[in-house]
Amino acid sequence: TYRVADLSNPILQDWVKPAMKKANDEVLAGQAAYRAHERCWPAAVPGIDVDAFAAPIFLYQTPKEVVFIMNNGPEVRHIYLDVPHSQNPKPSWYGESVGHYENGDTLVVDTIGFNDRVIDNYRTPRTTQLHVIERWKISPDGNAVDISVYVEDPGVFTTPWRAMHRWRRVQQPFVEYYCAENNNNPVTDSKLVPI
C-alpha cells in the first residue's frame, strides 16, 4: 500500500497541489515515501504528536515549562507555561509554544512562529502563518494520553482542520540515538547505550 496525498482534498489551496503531485508520482513510481526522520529533519508540530515512528516521547515538567523529547532524533520541544506569546517569535521548526492547564488535567498548547520549511509526510507545505492548538489529556484509566490537534494555515488550507491521536503511556529508559551524516544508524547498529 502506498501512502500518497489526496489531491482532491477540498481544503488544499491550488498552489500546493503541484508539489504534492510530484511527491505522489515519485512514490507511485517506487521511490521511498518522504519521512522527516529518515532525512534527519525535525517532525515539527503537529508531526511530533503523531509521528514518533515507534520511538518514545519523554515528557518532563517543571513549574515553568513542559519539555518533550522525542527519542529518535533526539528532538526537543519546549512549552512555556502560563506566559503569553512573544511579540515577534523567531521562526523555527517547532515554533513558539505556550501552554496552560484547563480543569487541572488538560494541557492546552498554542504554537505560532513556525518557519516555512515545515512539511508533513505527504509533503504538504506550510507557511509562517501556521497556527497549531493542541490539547493533551491523560485517559481516565491513566494508561494513555489523548491528543486533540487544531491546525490552521491560511496560506495553505482553505479552512482549519482537526485531528485526534492516542499515545500509550509506558515507563522506559531514555536511550542514546543519533541522526547525523556519516554516523552509524541505531536502527542497523545495535550499540544503543542507556543513559
Foldseek 3Di string as FASTA:
>chain_A
DFDADDLVPQFFDPVQSVVLVVQVVCVVVPDDFDDQLVVLHDCAPPRVVPPLPPFDWDWDDDPFWIWIFRQANGDIDIEGEPDDDDPQWAADRHAHWYWYDDPVFKIKIKGARHPQPNAHRSRQTAHNQKIKIKIWGQDPVRQKIKIKMWIDGVVTTVDIDIDIDMGTDDDDFRWHAHDDPPDDHCVPDVPIDTD
